[in-house]
Amino acid sequence: MSLAGNRARIDALTRGILREWQNSREHWRDTRSDEFNARYMEELASAAAAASSALDQLETLVQQIKHDCE
């Protein structure tokens, strides 16, 4: 799979997990839910965004290397 494909997969899976988490929060609203959100879900969103950005940068670099080698 290409870097762009991996990025799209990470983005889609993260959106799905975050959507399911929001559905769960409709029924689970207490201090523990807030702690779980802060500890895991916010970190997941941040890490996924960083990974997507890194994959974009890597894709640009790979394309530049391919162009330079032609």
N, C-alpha and C. Protein backbone atom coordinates (compact mmCIF):
# COMPACT_ATOMS: atom_id res chain seq x y z
N MET A 1 0.84 -1.18 0.00
CA MET A 1 0.00 0.00 0.00
C MET A 1 0.89 1.25 0.00
N SER A 2 0.44 2.26 -0.68
CA SER A 2 1.20 3.50 -0.78
C SER A 2 1.12 4.30 0.53
N LEU A 3 2.00 5.28 0.62
CA LEU A 3 1.97 6.16 1.79
C LEU A 3 0.62 6.89 1.87
N ALA A 4 0.14 7.35 0.73
CA ALA A 4 -1.15 8.05 0.70
C ALA A 4 -2.28 7.10 1.12
N GLY A 5 -2.19 5.86 0.70
CA GLY A 5 -3.19 4.86 1.10
C GLY A 5 -3.14 4.59 2.59
N ASN A 6 -1.94 4.52 3.13
CA ASN A 6 -1.81 4.32 4.58
C ASN A 6 -2.35 5.52 5.35
N ARG A 7 -2.08 6.71 4.84
CA ARG A 7 -2.60 7.91 5.48
C ARG A 7 -4.12 7.88 5.49
N ALA A 8 -4.71 7.56 4.35
CA ALA A 8 -6.17 7.51 4.25
C ALA A 8 -6.75 6.46 5.20
N ARG A 9 -6.05 5.34 5.33
CA ARG A 9 -6.52 4.28 6.25
C ARG A 9 -6.46 4.75 7.70
N ILE A 10 -5.37 5.37 8.08
CA ILE A 10 -5.25 5.90 9.46
C ILE A 10 -6.35 6.91 9.72
N ASP A 11 -6.56 7.81 8.78
CA ASP A 11 -7.60 8.84 8.95
C ASP A 11 -8.99 8.22 9.09
N ALA A 12 -9.29 7.26 8.22
CA ALA A 12 -10.62 6.63 8.26
C ALA A 12 -10.84 5.84 9.55
N LEU A 13 -9.83 5.08 9.95
CA LEU A 13 -9.97 4.31 11.18
C LEU A 13 -10.09 5.20 12.41
N THR A 14 -9.32 6.28 12.41
CA THR A 14 -9.39 7.21 13.54
C THR A 14 -10.76 7.87 13.60
N ARG A 15 -11.28 8.31 12.45
CA ARG A 15 -12.62 8.90 12.42
C ARG A 15 -13.65 7.91 12.94
N GLY A 16 -13.53 6.65 12.54
CA GLY A 16 -14.47 5.62 12.99
C GLY A 16 -14.41 5.41 14.50
N ILE A 17 -13.20 5.33 15.03
CA ILE A 17 -13.05 5.15 16.48
C ILE A 17 -13.62 6.36 17.22
N LEU A 18 -13.30 7.55 16.76
CA LEU A 18 -13.80 8.76 17.43
C LEU A 18 -15.32 8.87 17.33
N ARG A 19 -15.89 8.45 16.21
CA ARG A 19 -17.35 8.46 16.06
C ARG A 19 -18.00 7.48 17.06
N GLU A 20 -17.41 6.28 17.17
CA GLU A 20 -17.94 5.31 18.13
C GLU A 20 -17.78 5.80 19.56
N TRP A 21 -16.68 6.48 19.83
CA TRP A 21 -16.48 7.03 21.17
C TRP A 21 -17.57 8.07 21.48
N GLN A 22 -17.88 8.92 20.52
CA GLN A 22 -18.94 9.91 20.74
C GLN A 22 -20.28 9.24 21.00
N ASN A 23 -20.54 8.15 20.28
CA ASN A 23 -21.77 7.39 20.53
C ASN A 23 -21.78 6.82 21.94
N SER A 24 -20.65 6.33 22.40
CA SER A 24 -20.55 5.78 23.75
C SER A 24 -20.75 6.86 24.80
N ARG A 25 -20.24 8.05 24.53
CA ARG A 25 -20.35 9.14 25.50
C ARG A 25 -21.78 9.62 25.69
N GLU A 26 -22.64 9.31 24.74
CA GLU A 26 -24.05 9.66 24.92
C GLU A 26 -24.66 8.89 26.09
N HIS A 27 -24.08 7.73 26.41
CA HIS A 27 -24.60 6.88 27.48
C HIS A 27 -23.69 6.83 28.70
N TRP A 28 -22.47 7.26 28.54
CA TRP A 28 -21.49 7.18 29.62
C TRP A 28 -20.96 8.59 29.89
N ARG A 29 -21.58 9.31 30.78
CA ARG A 29 -21.21 10.69 31.08
C ARG A 29 -20.91 10.80 32.57
N ASP A 30 -19.66 10.59 32.92
CA ASP A 30 -19.25 10.77 34.31
C ASP A 30 -17.77 11.14 34.33
N THR A 31 -17.22 11.23 35.52
CA THR A 31 -15.82 11.63 35.67
C THR A 31 -14.88 10.65 34.97
N ARG A 32 -15.17 9.37 35.08
CA ARG A 32 -14.31 8.36 34.43
C ARG A 32 -14.33 8.50 32.91
N SER A 33 -15.47 8.82 32.38
CA SER A 33 -15.58 9.05 30.94
C SER A 33 -14.71 10.23 30.52
N ASP A 34 -14.76 11.28 31.30
CA ASP A 34 -13.94 12.46 31.02
C ASP A 34 -12.45 12.14 31.11
N GLU A 35 -12.09 11.34 32.12
CA GLU A 35 -10.69 10.93 32.28
C GLU A 35 -10.24 10.07 31.10
N PHE A 36 -11.08 9.13 30.69
CA PHE A 36 -10.76 8.27 29.55
C PHE A 36 -10.57 9.11 28.29
N ASN A 37 -11.48 10.05 28.11
CA ASN A 37 -11.40 10.92 26.93
C ASN A 37 -10.07 11.69 26.92
N ALA A 38 -9.75 12.30 28.05
CA ALA A 38 -8.52 13.10 28.12
C ALA A 38 -7.28 12.24 27.97
N ARG A 39 -7.30 11.07 28.58
CA ARG A 39 -6.10 10.22 28.59
C ARG A 39 -5.88 9.47 27.28
N TYR A 40 -6.95 8.98 26.68
CA TYR A 40 -6.79 8.13 25.50
C TYR A 40 -7.30 8.74 24.20
N MET A 41 -8.50 9.26 24.20
CA MET A 41 -9.10 9.67 22.94
C MET A 41 -8.48 10.95 22.39
N GLU A 42 -8.21 11.90 23.26
CA GLU A 42 -7.55 13.12 22.78
C GLU A 42 -6.14 12.80 22.29
N GLU A 43 -5.46 11.90 22.99
CA GLU A 43 -4.12 11.49 22.56
C GLU A 43 -4.18 10.76 21.22
N LEU A 44 -5.18 9.91 21.04
CA LEU A 44 -5.35 9.20 19.77
C LEU A 44 -5.53 10.19 18.62
N ALA A 45 -6.40 11.16 18.81
CA ALA A 45 -6.64 12.15 17.75
C ALA A 45 -5.37 12.92 17.43
N SER A 46 -4.64 13.30 18.46
CA SER A 46 -3.40 14.05 18.26
C SER A 46 -2.34 13.19 17.56
N ALA A 47 -2.18 11.96 18.00
CA ALA A 47 -1.19 11.06 17.40
C ALA A 47 -1.53 10.74 15.95
N ALA A 48 -2.81 10.54 15.67
CA ALA A 48 -3.23 10.24 14.30
C ALA A 48 -2.97 11.44 13.38
N ALA A 49 -3.23 12.64 13.87
CA ALA A 49 -2.97 13.84 13.08
C ALA A 49 -1.48 13.99 12.81
N ALA A 50 -0.66 13.71 13.81
CA ALA A 50 0.80 13.79 13.63
C ALA A 50 1.28 12.74 12.64
N ALA A 51 0.73 11.54 12.72
CA ALA A 51 1.11 10.47 11.78
C ALA A 51 0.72 10.84 10.35
N SER A 52 -0.47 11.39 10.19
CA SER A 52 -0.92 11.81 8.86
C SER A 52 -0.01 12.89 8.28
N SER A 53 0.36 13.83 9.11
CA SER A 53 1.26 14.89 8.67
C SER A 53 2.62 14.32 8.28
N ALA A 54 3.13 13.42 9.07
CA ALA A 54 4.43 12.79 8.77
C ALA A 54 4.36 12.00 7.47
N LEU A 55 3.26 11.29 7.25
CA LEU A 55 3.12 10.53 6.01
C LEU A 55 3.03 11.46 4.80
N ASP A 56 2.37 12.60 4.95
CA ASP A 56 2.33 13.58 3.86
C ASP A 56 3.74 14.08 3.53
N GLN A 57 4.50 14.39 4.56
CA GLN A 57 5.87 14.87 4.36
C GLN A 57 6.73 13.78 3.72
N LEU A 58 6.56 12.56 4.17
CA LEU A 58 7.32 11.45 3.61
C LEU A 58 6.95 11.21 2.15
N GLU A 59 5.67 11.30 1.83
CA GLU A 59 5.23 11.15 0.44
C GLU A 59 5.87 12.21 -0.45
N THR A 60 5.92 13.45 0.02
CA THR A 60 6.55 14.53 -0.73
C THR A 60 8.03 14.22 -0.95
N LEU A 61 8.69 13.75 0.08
CA LEU A 61 10.11 13.41 -0.02
C LEU A 61 10.35 12.27 -1.00
N VAL A 62 9.53 11.24 -0.93
CA VAL A 62 9.67 10.11 -1.86
C VAL A 62 9.47 10.56 -3.30
N GLN A 63 8.46 11.41 -3.52
CA GLN A 63 8.22 11.91 -4.88
C GLN A 63 9.40 12.74 -5.38
N GLN A 64 9.99 13.53 -4.49
CA GLN A 64 11.15 14.34 -4.87
C GLN A 64 12.33 13.43 -5.20
N ILE A 65 12.54 12.40 -4.44
CA ILE A 65 13.63 11.46 -4.70
C ILE A 65 13.42 10.76 -6.02
N LYS A 66 12.20 10.33 -6.29
CA LYS A 66 11.90 9.68 -7.58
C LYS A 66 12.18 10.64 -8.72
N HIS A 67 11.75 11.88 -8.57
CA HIS A 67 11.97 12.88 -9.62
C HIS A 67 13.48 13.11 -9.83
N ASP A 68 14.23 13.21 -8.75
CA ASP A 68 15.67 13.45 -8.85
C ASP A 68 16.41 12.28 -9.48
N CYS A 69 15.87 11.09 -9.34
CA CYS A 69 16.54 9.90 -9.89
C CYS A 69 16.20 9.65 -11.34
N GLU A 70 15.27 10.37 -11.89
CA GLU A 70 14.89 10.17 -13.30
C GLU A 70 15.84 10.85 -14.24
